[in-house]
Amino acid sequence: PPIFKGGYDPDGAQQWLEGIERIFGAMRCLDEHRVLLGGYVLHDEADHWWDNAKQRLEVDGAFITWACFKREFLTKYFPADERNRKVI
């Protein structure tokens, strides 16, 4: 699977997410496994970010879904203003 290291790279973030989702679809990967495997291939700065995000999200014992992971990931690495600029 592709590795994502973080940093400012909105296009790279989008490509990583699309690539990992293609793999998950081909593997028929369950939602709860997607979060674990997606987090596993985050390295360097992205790994540190995810460790902190998990602690924040799991504070009430909440289960982190893939939709939640994607929302957090896109907010951090492909913010709405960048996505909107790309659409135009």
PDB file of N, CA and C in Angstrom:
ATOM      1  N   PRO A   1       0.829  -1.211   0.000  1.00  0.00           N
ATOM      2  CA  PRO A   1       0.000   0.000   0.000  1.00  0.00           C
ATOM      3  C   PRO A   1       0.860   1.256   0.000  1.00  0.00           C
ATOM      4  N   PRO A   2       0.315   2.342  -0.516  1.00  0.00           N
ATOM      5  CA  PRO A   2       1.080   3.585  -0.555  1.00  0.00           C
ATOM      6  C   PRO A   2       1.304   4.133   0.854  1.00  0.00           C
ATOM      7  N   ILE A   3       2.430   4.802   1.023  1.00  0.00           N
ATOM      8  CA  ILE A   3       2.784   5.429   2.301  1.00  0.00           C
ATOM      9  C   ILE A   3       2.552   6.928   2.166  1.00  0.00           C
ATOM     10  N   PHE A   4       2.066   7.554   3.245  1.00  0.00           N
ATOM     11  CA  PHE A   4       1.905   9.006   3.263  1.00  0.00           C
ATOM     12  C   PHE A   4       2.676   9.543   4.452  1.00  0.00           C
ATOM     13  N   LYS A   5       3.535  10.552   4.202  1.00  0.00           N
ATOM     14  CA  LYS A   5       4.403  11.084   5.251  1.00  0.00           C
ATOM     15  C   LYS A   5       3.936  12.413   5.817  1.00  0.00           C
ATOM     16  N   GLY A   6       2.949  13.039   5.186  1.00  0.00           N
ATOM     17  CA  GLY A   6       2.447  14.314   5.696  1.00  0.00           C
ATOM     18  C   GLY A   6       3.064  15.488   4.965  1.00  0.00           C
ATOM     19  N   GLY A   7       3.071  16.647   5.627  1.00  0.00           N
ATOM     20  CA  GLY A   7       3.569  17.862   5.009  1.00  0.00           C
ATOM     21  C   GLY A   7       2.505  18.486   4.122  1.00  0.00           C
ATOM     22  N   TYR A   8       2.843  19.631   3.550  1.00  0.00           N
ATOM     23  CA  TYR A   8       1.880  20.322   2.697  1.00  0.00           C
ATOM     24  C   TYR A   8       1.964  19.757   1.287  1.00  0.00           C
ATOM     25  N   ASP A   9       1.030  18.896   0.957  1.00  0.00           N
ATOM     26  CA  ASP A   9       0.958  18.271  -0.362  1.00  0.00           C
ATOM     27  C   ASP A   9      -0.485  17.836  -0.617  1.00  0.00           C
ATOM     28  N   PRO A  10      -1.395  18.807  -0.848  1.00  0.00           N
ATOM     29  CA  PRO A  10      -2.808  18.458  -1.032  1.00  0.00           C
ATOM     30  C   PRO A  10      -3.041  17.428  -2.134  1.00  0.00           C
ATOM     31  N   ASP A  11      -2.340  17.560  -3.257  1.00  0.00           N
ATOM     32  CA  ASP A  11      -2.513  16.589  -4.344  1.00  0.00           C
ATOM     33  C   ASP A  11      -2.028  15.208  -3.921  1.00  0.00           C
ATOM     34  N   GLY A  12      -0.901  15.161  -3.236  1.00  0.00           N
ATOM     35  CA  GLY A  12      -0.378  13.891  -2.743  1.00  0.00           C
ATOM     36  C   GLY A  12      -1.321  13.245  -1.741  1.00  0.00           C
ATOM     37  N   ALA A  13      -1.930  14.064  -0.887  1.00  0.00           N
ATOM     38  CA  ALA A  13      -2.886  13.553   0.102  1.00  0.00           C
ATOM     39  C   ALA A  13      -4.100  12.952  -0.600  1.00  0.00           C
ATOM     40  N   GLN A  14      -4.609  13.658  -1.596  1.00  0.00           N
ATOM     41  CA  GLN A  14      -5.769  13.156  -2.333  1.00  0.00           C
ATOM     42  C   GLN A  14      -5.419  11.858  -3.064  1.00  0.00           C
ATOM     43  N   GLN A  15      -4.258  11.821  -3.690  1.00  0.00           N
ATOM     44  CA  GLN A  15      -3.838  10.613  -4.409  1.00  0.00           C
ATOM     45  C   GLN A  15      -3.646   9.442  -3.451  1.00  0.00           C
ATOM     46  N   TRP A  16      -3.066   9.712  -2.267  1.00  0.00           N
ATOM     47  CA  TRP A  16      -2.885   8.647  -1.281  1.00  0.00           C
ATOM     48  C   TRP A  16      -4.235   8.076  -0.864  1.00  0.00           C
ATOM     49  N   LEU A  17      -5.180   8.969  -0.556  1.00  0.00           N
ATOM     50  CA  LEU A  17      -6.496   8.525  -0.107  1.00  0.00           C
ATOM     51  C   LEU A  17      -7.209   7.718  -1.194  1.00  0.00           C
ATOM     52  N   GLU A  18      -7.159   8.198  -2.433  1.00  0.00           N
ATOM     53  CA  GLU A  18      -7.786   7.462  -3.537  1.00  0.00           C
ATOM     54  C   GLU A  18      -7.128   6.098  -3.731  1.00  0.00           C
ATOM     55  N   GLY A  19      -5.800   6.053  -3.640  1.00  0.00           N
ATOM     56  CA  GLY A  19      -5.072   4.797  -3.819  1.00  0.00           C
ATOM     57  C   GLY A  19      -5.384   3.787  -2.729  1.00  0.00           C
ATOM     58  N   ILE A  20      -5.411   4.244  -1.497  1.00  0.00           N
ATOM     59  CA  ILE A  20      -5.672   3.332  -0.379  1.00  0.00           C
ATOM     60  C   ILE A  20      -7.115   2.837  -0.427  1.00  0.00           C
ATOM     61  N   GLU A  21      -8.040   3.698  -0.862  1.00  0.00           N
ATOM     62  CA  GLU A  21      -9.434   3.260  -0.963  1.00  0.00           C
ATOM     63  C   GLU A  21      -9.622   2.235  -2.083  1.00  0.00           C
ATOM     64  N   ARG A  22      -8.868   2.366  -3.169  1.00  0.00           N
ATOM     65  CA  ARG A  22      -8.916   1.354  -4.239  1.00  0.00           C
ATOM     66  C   ARG A  22      -8.459  -0.001  -3.698  1.00  0.00           C
ATOM     67  N   ILE A  23      -7.387   0.017  -2.925  1.00  0.00           N
ATOM     68  CA  ILE A  23      -6.879  -1.226  -2.331  1.00  0.00           C
ATOM     69  C   ILE A  23      -7.917  -1.816  -1.387  1.00  0.00           C
ATOM     70  N   PHE A  24      -8.487  -0.979  -0.524  1.00  0.00           N
ATOM     71  CA  PHE A  24      -9.492  -1.461   0.427  1.00  0.00           C
ATOM     72  C   PHE A  24     -10.698  -2.059  -0.294  1.00  0.00           C
ATOM     73  N   GLY A  25     -11.116  -1.426  -1.383  1.00  0.00           N
ATOM     74  CA  GLY A  25     -12.242  -1.947  -2.158  1.00  0.00           C
ATOM     75  C   GLY A  25     -11.927  -3.296  -2.771  1.00  0.00           C
ATOM     76  N   ALA A  26     -10.726  -3.426  -3.330  1.00  0.00           N
ATOM     77  CA  ALA A  26     -10.326  -4.689  -3.946  1.00  0.00           C
ATOM     78  C   ALA A  26     -10.222  -5.804  -2.906  1.00  0.00           C
ATOM     79  N   MET A  27      -9.814  -5.440  -1.697  1.00  0.00           N
ATOM     80  CA  MET A  27      -9.662  -6.427  -0.619  1.00  0.00           C
ATOM     81  C   MET A  27     -10.973  -6.672   0.132  1.00  0.00           C
ATOM     82  N   ARG A  28     -12.002  -5.882  -0.193  1.00  0.00           N
ATOM     83  CA  ARG A  28     -13.271  -5.925   0.554  1.00  0.00           C
ATOM     84  C   ARG A  28     -13.012  -5.755   2.049  1.00  0.00           C
ATOM     85  N   CYS A  29     -12.186  -4.772   2.329  1.00  0.00           N
ATOM     86  CA  CYS A  29     -11.735  -4.493   3.690  1.00  0.00           C
ATOM     87  C   CYS A  29     -12.873  -3.882   4.512  1.00  0.00           C
ATOM     88  N   LEU A  30     -13.103  -4.420   5.699  1.00  0.00           N
ATOM     89  CA  LEU A  30     -14.138  -3.901   6.593  1.00  0.00           C
ATOM     90  C   LEU A  30     -13.754  -2.524   7.114  1.00  0.00           C
ATOM     91  N   ASP A  31     -14.766  -1.741   7.469  1.00  0.00           N
ATOM     92  CA  ASP A  31     -14.563  -0.365   7.915  1.00  0.00           C
ATOM     93  C   ASP A  31     -13.561  -0.278   9.063  1.00  0.00           C
ATOM     94  N   GLU A  32     -13.724  -1.125  10.079  1.00  0.00           N
ATOM     95  CA  GLU A  32     -12.836  -1.030  11.242  1.00  0.00           C
ATOM     96  C   GLU A  32     -11.389  -1.381  10.892  1.00  0.00           C
ATOM     97  N   HIS A  33     -11.190  -2.229   9.876  1.00  0.00           N
ATOM     98  CA  HIS A  33      -9.836  -2.560   9.440  1.00  0.00           C
ATOM     99  C   HIS A  33      -9.239  -1.429   8.609  1.00  0.00           C
ATOM    100  N   ARG A  34     -10.075  -0.694   7.905  1.00  0.00           N
ATOM    101  CA  ARG A  34      -9.583   0.423   7.096  1.00  0.00           C
ATOM    102  C   ARG A  34      -8.875   1.452   7.963  1.00  0.00           C
ATOM    103  N   VAL A  35      -9.459   1.757   9.112  1.00  0.00           N
ATOM    104  CA  VAL A  35      -8.853   2.750  10.008  1.00  0.00           C
ATOM    105  C   VAL A  35      -7.495   2.248  10.503  1.00  0.00           C
ATOM    106  N   LEU A  36      -7.427   0.988  10.910  1.00  0.00           N
ATOM    107  CA  LEU A  36      -6.163   0.424  11.400  1.00  0.00           C
ATOM    108  C   LEU A  36      -5.104   0.397  10.302  1.00  0.00           C
ATOM    109  N   LEU A  37      -5.472  -0.105   9.127  1.00  0.00           N
ATOM    110  CA  LEU A  37      -4.509  -0.209   8.030  1.00  0.00           C
ATOM    111  C   LEU A  37      -4.133   1.159   7.473  1.00  0.00           C
ATOM    112  N   GLY A  38      -5.107   2.061   7.385  1.00  0.00           N
ATOM    113  CA  GLY A  38      -4.813   3.417   6.922  1.00  0.00           C
ATOM    114  C   GLY A  38      -3.827   4.105   7.846  1.00  0.00           C
ATOM    115  N   GLY A  39      -4.037   3.964   9.142  1.00  0.00           N
ATOM    116  CA  GLY A  39      -3.110   4.547  10.108  1.00  0.00           C
ATOM    117  C   GLY A  39      -1.733   3.911  10.055  1.00  0.00           C
ATOM    118  N   TYR A  40      -1.686   2.624   9.729  1.00  0.00           N
ATOM    119  CA  TYR A  40      -0.423   1.889   9.682  1.00  0.00           C
ATOM    120  C   TYR A  40       0.518   2.412   8.597  1.00  0.00           C
ATOM    121  N   VAL A  41      -0.018   2.894   7.489  1.00  0.00           N
ATOM    122  CA  VAL A  41       0.833   3.364   6.391  1.00  0.00           C
ATOM    123  C   VAL A  41       1.053   4.875   6.426  1.00  0.00           C
ATOM    124  N   LEU A  42       0.710   5.510   7.543  1.00  0.00           N
ATOM    125  CA  LEU A  42       1.095   6.901   7.762  1.00  0.00           C
ATOM    126  C   LEU A  42       2.462   6.895   8.438  1.00  0.00           C
ATOM    127  N   HIS A  43       3.390   7.667   7.919  1.00  0.00           N
ATOM    128  CA  HIS A  43       4.749   7.710   8.462  1.00  0.00           C
ATOM    129  C   HIS A  43       5.115   9.145   8.815  1.00  0.00           C
ATOM    130  N   ASP A  44       6.182   9.290   9.577  1.00  0.00           N
ATOM    131  CA  ASP A  44       6.776  10.579   9.922  1.00  0.00           C
ATOM    132  C   ASP A  44       5.740  11.539  10.508  1.00  0.00           C
ATOM    133  N   GLU A  45       5.627  12.729   9.934  1.00  0.00           N
ATOM    134  CA  GLU A  45       4.721  13.751  10.474  1.00  0.00           C
ATOM    135  C   GLU A  45       3.272  13.271  10.484  1.00  0.00           C
ATOM    136  N   ALA A  46       2.865  12.563   9.443  1.00  0.00           N
ATOM    137  CA  ALA A  46       1.477  12.092   9.360  1.00  0.00           C
ATOM    138  C   ALA A  46       1.173  11.082  10.465  1.00  0.00           C
ATOM    139  N   ASP A  47       2.138  10.259  10.816  1.00  0.00           N
ATOM    140  CA  ASP A  47       1.962   9.293  11.900  1.00  0.00           C
ATOM    141  C   ASP A  47       1.784  10.014  13.235  1.00  0.00           C
ATOM    142  N   HIS A  48       2.589  11.040  13.479  1.00  0.00           N
ATOM    143  CA  HIS A  48       2.456  11.825  14.716  1.00  0.00           C
ATOM    144  C   HIS A  48       1.097  12.519  14.760  1.00  0.00           C
ATOM    145  N   TRP A  49       0.686  13.088  13.623  1.00  0.00           N
ATOM    146  CA  TRP A  49      -0.621  13.747  13.566  1.00  0.00           C
ATOM    147  C   TRP A  49      -1.726  12.744  13.918  1.00  0.00           C
ATOM    148  N   TRP A  50      -1.684  11.539  13.328  1.00  0.00           N
ATOM    149  CA  TRP A  50      -2.744  10.557  13.553  1.00  0.00           C
ATOM    150  C   TRP A  50      -2.762  10.080  15.003  1.00  0.00           C
ATOM    151  N   ASP A  51      -1.590   9.893  15.610  1.00  0.00           N
ATOM    152  CA  ASP A  51      -1.550   9.519  17.031  1.00  0.00           C
ATOM    153  C   ASP A  51      -2.283  10.554  17.879  1.00  0.00           C
ATOM    154  N   ASN A  52      -2.029  11.834  17.629  1.00  0.00           N
ATOM    155  CA  ASN A  52      -2.699  12.906  18.372  1.00  0.00           C
ATOM    156  C   ASN A  52      -4.188  12.959  18.064  1.00  0.00           C
ATOM    157  N   ALA A  53      -4.543  12.813  16.791  1.00  0.00           N
ATOM    158  CA  ALA A  53      -5.957  12.854  16.400  1.00  0.00           C
ATOM    159  C   ALA A  53      -6.725  11.701  17.042  1.00  0.00           C
ATOM    160  N   LYS A  54      -6.121  10.502  17.066  1.00  0.00           N
ATOM    161  CA  LYS A  54      -6.773   9.344  17.695  1.00  0.00           C
ATOM    162  C   LYS A  54      -7.041   9.598  19.170  1.00  0.00           C
ATOM    163  N   GLN A  55      -6.059  10.142  19.858  1.00  0.00           N
ATOM    164  CA  GLN A  55      -6.244  10.429  21.288  1.00  0.00           C
ATOM    165  C   GLN A  55      -7.402  11.394  21.499  1.00  0.00           C
ATOM    166  N   ARG A  56      -7.482  12.404  20.652  1.00  0.00           N
ATOM    167  CA  ARG A  56      -8.558  13.391  20.760  1.00  0.00           C
ATOM    168  C   ARG A  56      -9.912  12.757  20.446  1.00  0.00           C
ATOM    169  N   LEU A  57      -9.967  11.937  19.404  1.00  0.00           N
ATOM    170  CA  LEU A  57     -11.229  11.344  18.959  1.00  0.00           C
ATOM    171  C   LEU A  57     -11.718  10.232  19.883  1.00  0.00           C
ATOM    172  N   GLU A  58     -10.798   9.519  20.504  1.00  0.00           N
ATOM    173  CA  GLU A  58     -11.171   8.387  21.351  1.00  0.00           C
ATOM    174  C   GLU A  58     -11.403   8.786  22.805  1.00  0.00           C
ATOM    175  N   VAL A  59     -11.390  10.075  23.087  1.00  0.00           N
ATOM    176  CA  VAL A  59     -11.478  10.557  24.469  1.00  0.00           C
ATOM    177  C   VAL A  59     -12.711  10.023  25.196  1.00  0.00           C
ATOM    178  N   ASP A  60     -13.815   9.892  24.513  1.00  0.00           N
ATOM    179  CA  ASP A  60     -15.041   9.383  25.133  1.00  0.00           C
ATOM    180  C   ASP A  60     -15.262   7.907  24.815  1.00  0.00           C
ATOM    181  N   GLY A  61     -14.224   7.222  24.382  1.00  0.00           N
ATOM    182  CA  GLY A  61     -14.357   5.815  24.024  1.00  0.00           C
ATOM    183  C   GLY A  61     -15.056   5.608  22.696  1.00  0.00           C
ATOM    184  N   ALA A  62     -15.108   6.647  21.887  1.00  0.00           N
ATOM    185  CA  ALA A  62     -15.803   6.579  20.602  1.00  0.00           C
ATOM    186  C   ALA A  62     -15.044   5.673  19.628  1.00  0.00           C
ATOM    187  N   PHE A  63     -15.796   4.997  18.773  1.00  0.00           N
ATOM    188  CA  PHE A  63     -15.243   4.157  17.720  1.00  0.00           C
ATOM    189  C   PHE A  63     -14.957   5.045  16.516  1.00  0.00           C
ATOM    190  N   ILE A  64     -13.751   4.984  15.982  1.00  0.00           N
ATOM    191  CA  ILE A  64     -13.380   5.818  14.836  1.00  0.00           C
ATOM    192  C   ILE A  64     -13.710   5.057  13.556  1.00  0.00           C
ATOM    193  N   THR A  65     -14.616   5.606  12.776  1.00  0.00           N
ATOM    194  CA  THR A  65     -15.002   4.997  11.503  1.00  0.00           C
ATOM    195  C   THR A  65     -14.064   5.475  10.395  1.00  0.00           C
ATOM    196  N   TRP A  66     -14.143   4.820   9.246  1.00  0.00           N
ATOM    197  CA  TRP A  66     -13.353   5.249   8.096  1.00  0.00           C
ATOM    198  C   TRP A  66     -13.808   6.636   7.642  1.00  0.00           C
ATOM    199  N   ALA A  67     -15.103   6.897   7.702  1.00  0.00           N
ATOM    200  CA  ALA A  67     -15.614   8.227   7.328  1.00  0.00           C
ATOM    201  C   ALA A  67     -15.014   9.295   8.240  1.00  0.00           C
ATOM    202  N   CYS A  68     -14.902   8.996   9.522  1.00  0.00           N
ATOM    203  CA  CYS A  68     -14.297   9.929  10.474  1.00  0.00           C
ATOM    204  C   CYS A  68     -12.814  10.124  10.153  1.00  0.00           C
ATOM    205  N   PHE A  69     -12.109   9.026   9.883  1.00  0.00           N
ATOM    206  CA  PHE A  69     -10.694   9.114   9.520  1.00  0.00           C
ATOM    207  C   PHE A  69     -10.518  10.009   8.299  1.00  0.00           C
ATOM    208  N   LYS A  70     -11.321   9.756   7.258  1.00  0.00           N
ATOM    209  CA  LYS A  70     -11.205  10.543   6.022  1.00  0.00           C
ATOM    210  C   LYS A  70     -11.480  12.020   6.273  1.00  0.00           C
ATOM    211  N   ARG A  71     -12.517  12.305   7.064  1.00  0.00           N
ATOM    212  CA  ARG A  71     -12.850  13.697   7.376  1.00  0.00           C
ATOM    213  C   ARG A  71     -11.677  14.386   8.074  1.00  0.00           C
ATOM    214  N   GLU A  72     -11.099  13.726   9.071  1.00  0.00           N
ATOM    215  CA  GLU A  72      -9.951  14.290   9.797  1.00  0.00           C
ATOM    216  C   GLU A  72      -8.746  14.445   8.876  1.00  0.00           C
ATOM    217  N   PHE A  73      -8.476  13.421   8.068  1.00  0.00           N
ATOM    218  CA  PHE A  73      -7.333  13.434   7.155  1.00  0.00           C
ATOM    219  C   PHE A  73      -7.453  14.567   6.142  1.00  0.00           C
ATOM    220  N   LEU A  74      -8.633  14.682   5.535  1.00  0.00           N
ATOM    221  CA  LEU A  74      -8.828  15.728   4.527  1.00  0.00           C
ATOM    222  C   LEU A  74      -8.786  17.119   5.145  1.00  0.00           C
ATOM    223  N   THR A  75      -9.331  17.275   6.337  1.00  0.00           N
ATOM    224  CA  THR A  75      -9.277  18.575   7.015  1.00  0.00           C
ATOM    225  C   THR A  75      -7.830  18.989   7.237  1.00  0.00           C
ATOM    226  N   LYS A  76      -6.996  18.034   7.618  1.00  0.00           N
ATOM    227  CA  LYS A  76      -5.584  18.324   7.894  1.00  0.00           C
ATOM    228  C   LYS A  76      -4.765  18.491   6.621  1.00  0.00           C
ATOM    229  N   TYR A  77      -4.892  17.574   5.677  1.00  0.00           N
ATOM    230  CA  TYR A  77      -3.965  17.522   4.548  1.00  0.00           C
ATOM    231  C   TYR A  77      -4.532  17.988   3.211  1.00  0.00           C
ATOM    232  N   PHE A  78      -5.829  18.158   3.117  1.00  0.00           N
ATOM    233  CA  PHE A  78      -6.435  18.657   1.883  1.00  0.00           C
ATOM    234  C   PHE A  78      -7.631  19.510   2.274  1.00  0.00           C
ATOM    235  N   PRO A  79      -7.342  20.690   2.879  1.00  0.00           N
ATOM    236  CA  PRO A  79      -8.407  21.538   3.427  1.00  0.00           C
ATOM    237  C   PRO A  79      -9.432  21.961   2.375  1.00  0.00           C
ATOM    238  N   ALA A  80     -10.604  22.329   2.867  1.00  0.00           N
ATOM    239  CA  ALA A  80     -11.738  22.681   1.997  1.00  0.00           C
ATOM    240  C   ALA A  80     -11.376  23.770   0.999  1.00  0.00           C
ATOM    241  N   ASP A  81     -10.608  24.787   1.413  1.00  0.00           N
ATOM    242  CA  ASP A  81     -10.268  25.861   0.473  1.00  0.00           C
ATOM    243  C   ASP A  81      -9.432  25.323  -0.689  1.00  0.00           C
ATOM    244  N   GLU A  82      -8.551  24.368  -0.426  1.00  0.00           N
ATOM    245  CA  GLU A  82      -7.771  23.741  -1.506  1.00  0.00           C
ATOM    246  C   GLU A  82      -8.668  22.895  -2.408  1.00  0.00           C
ATOM    247  N   ARG A  83      -9.579  22.137  -1.795  1.00  0.00           N
ATOM    248  CA  ARG A  83     -10.502  21.306  -2.587  1.00  0.00           C
ATOM    249  C   ARG A  83     -11.371  22.191  -3.471  1.00  0.00           C
ATOM    250  N   ASN A  84     -11.872  23.297  -2.913  1.00  0.00           N
ATOM    251  CA  ASN A  84     -12.717  24.211  -3.685  1.00  0.00           C
ATOM    252  C   ASN A  84     -11.940  24.828  -4.837  1.00  0.00           C
ATOM    253  N   ARG A  85     -10.690  25.183  -4.607  1.00  0.00           N
ATOM    254  CA  ARG A  85      -9.859  25.761  -5.654  1.00  0.00           C
ATOM    255  C   ARG A  85      -9.649  24.762  -6.788  1.00  0.00           C
ATOM    256  N   LYS A  86      -9.518  23.497  -6.428  1.00  0.00           N
ATOM    257  CA  LYS A  86      -9.288  22.459  -7.431  1.00  0.00           C
ATOM    258  C   LYS A  86     -10.529  22.225  -8.291  1.00  0.00           C
ATOM    259  N   VAL A  87     -11.709  22.388  -7.715  1.00  0.00           N
ATOM    260  CA  VAL A  87     -12.965  22.180  -8.439  1.00  0.00           C
ATOM    261  C   VAL A  87     -13.158  23.261  -9.491  1.00  0.00           C
ATOM    262  N   ILE A  88     -12.756  24.468  -9.177  1.00  0.00           N
ATOM    263  CA  ILE A  88     -12.983  25.621 -10.070  1.00  0.00           C
ATOM    264  C   ILE A  88     -12.155  25.570 -11.316  1.00  0.00           C
TER     265      ILE A  88
END
